[in-house]
Amino acid sequence: EFSPDGQFIASADRDFKIR
């Protein structure tokens, strides 16, 4: 998802589910 400053970031929840 995108952070307020426009930088692409992976949410911790999503990262946890991928692992």
PDB file of N, CA and C in Angstrom:
ATOM      1  N   GLU A   1       0.847  -1.199   0.000  1.00  0.00           N
ATOM      2  CA  GLU A   1       0.000   0.000   0.000  1.00  0.00           C
ATOM      3  C   GLU A   1       0.881   1.246   0.000  1.00  0.00           C
ATOM      4  N   PHE A   2       0.275   2.426  -0.218  1.00  0.00           N
ATOM      5  CA  PHE A   2       1.072   3.641  -0.314  1.00  0.00           C
ATOM      6  C   PHE A   2       0.980   4.473   0.963  1.00  0.00           C
ATOM      7  N   SER A   3       2.126   4.920   1.409  1.00  0.00           N
ATOM      8  CA  SER A   3       2.167   5.776   2.592  1.00  0.00           C
ATOM      9  C   SER A   3       1.839   7.209   2.192  1.00  0.00           C
ATOM     10  N   PRO A   4       1.488   8.081   3.151  1.00  0.00           N
ATOM     11  CA  PRO A   4       1.109   9.467   2.874  1.00  0.00           C
ATOM     12  C   PRO A   4       2.143  10.232   2.047  1.00  0.00           C
ATOM     13  N   ASP A   5       3.425   9.892   2.195  1.00  0.00           N
ATOM     14  CA  ASP A   5       4.438  10.629   1.438  1.00  0.00           C
ATOM     15  C   ASP A   5       4.609  10.089   0.022  1.00  0.00           C
ATOM     16  N   GLY A   6       3.803   9.077  -0.327  1.00  0.00           N
ATOM     17  CA  GLY A   6       3.832   8.565  -1.694  1.00  0.00           C
ATOM     18  C   GLY A   6       4.830   7.438  -1.896  1.00  0.00           C
ATOM     19  N   GLN A   7       5.434   6.968  -0.810  1.00  0.00           N
ATOM     20  CA  GLN A   7       6.405   5.876  -0.911  1.00  0.00           C
ATOM     21  C   GLN A   7       5.680   4.553  -0.751  1.00  0.00           C
ATOM     22  N   PHE A   8       6.014   3.582  -1.606  1.00  0.00           N
ATOM     23  CA  PHE A   8       5.343   2.289  -1.547  1.00  0.00           C
ATOM     24  C   PHE A   8       5.848   1.498  -0.345  1.00  0.00           C
ATOM     25  N   ILE A   9       4.915   0.996   0.462  1.00  0.00           N
ATOM     26  CA  ILE A   9       5.297   0.215   1.639  1.00  0.00           C
ATOM     27  C   ILE A   9       4.423  -1.029   1.756  1.00  0.00           C
ATOM     28  N   ALA A  10       5.001  -2.101   2.298  1.00  0.00           N
ATOM     29  CA  ALA A  10       4.225  -3.307   2.539  1.00  0.00           C
ATOM     30  C   ALA A  10       3.717  -3.274   3.963  1.00  0.00           C
ATOM     31  N   SER A  11       2.442  -3.532   4.128  1.00  0.00           N
ATOM     32  CA  SER A  11       1.875  -3.518   5.478  1.00  0.00           C
ATOM     33  C   SER A  11       2.408  -4.705   6.270  1.00  0.00           C
ATOM     34  N   ALA A  12       2.582  -4.538   7.562  1.00  0.00           N
ATOM     35  CA  ALA A  12       3.091  -5.612   8.410  1.00  0.00           C
ATOM     36  C   ALA A  12       2.146  -6.809   8.365  1.00  0.00           C
ATOM     37  N   ASP A  13       0.860  -6.546   8.334  1.00  0.00           N
ATOM     38  CA  ASP A  13      -0.134  -7.615   8.299  1.00  0.00           C
ATOM     39  C   ASP A  13       0.010  -8.439   7.018  1.00  0.00           C
ATOM     40  N   ARG A  14       0.179  -7.765   5.897  1.00  0.00           N
ATOM     41  CA  ARG A  14       0.322  -8.454   4.615  1.00  0.00           C
ATOM     42  C   ARG A  14       1.617  -9.259   4.606  1.00  0.00           C
ATOM     43  N   ASP A  15       2.695  -8.662   5.104  1.00  0.00           N
ATOM     44  CA  ASP A  15       3.980  -9.341   5.140  1.00  0.00           C
ATOM     45  C   ASP A  15       3.876 -10.612   5.974  1.00  0.00           C
ATOM     46  N   PHE A  16       3.163 -10.527   7.079  1.00  0.00           N
ATOM     47  CA  PHE A  16       2.983 -11.683   7.963  1.00  0.00           C
ATOM     48  C   PHE A  16       2.223 -12.796   7.236  1.00  0.00           C
ATOM     49  N   LYS A  17       1.198 -12.426   6.482  1.00  0.00           N
ATOM     50  CA  LYS A  17       0.390 -13.421   5.770  1.00  0.00           C
ATOM     51  C   LYS A  17       1.197 -14.077   4.654  1.00  0.00           C
ATOM     52  N   ILE A  18       2.050 -13.321   3.983  1.00  0.00           N
ATOM     53  CA  ILE A  18       2.872 -13.879   2.907  1.00  0.00           C
ATOM     54  C   ILE A  18       3.834 -14.925   3.480  1.00  0.00           C
ATOM     55  N   ARG A  19       4.404 -14.655   4.639  1.00  0.00           N
ATOM     56  CA  ARG A  19       5.329 -15.588   5.252  1.00  0.00           C
ATOM     57  C   ARG A  19       4.565 -16.770   5.840  1.00  0.00           C
TER      58      ARG A  19
END
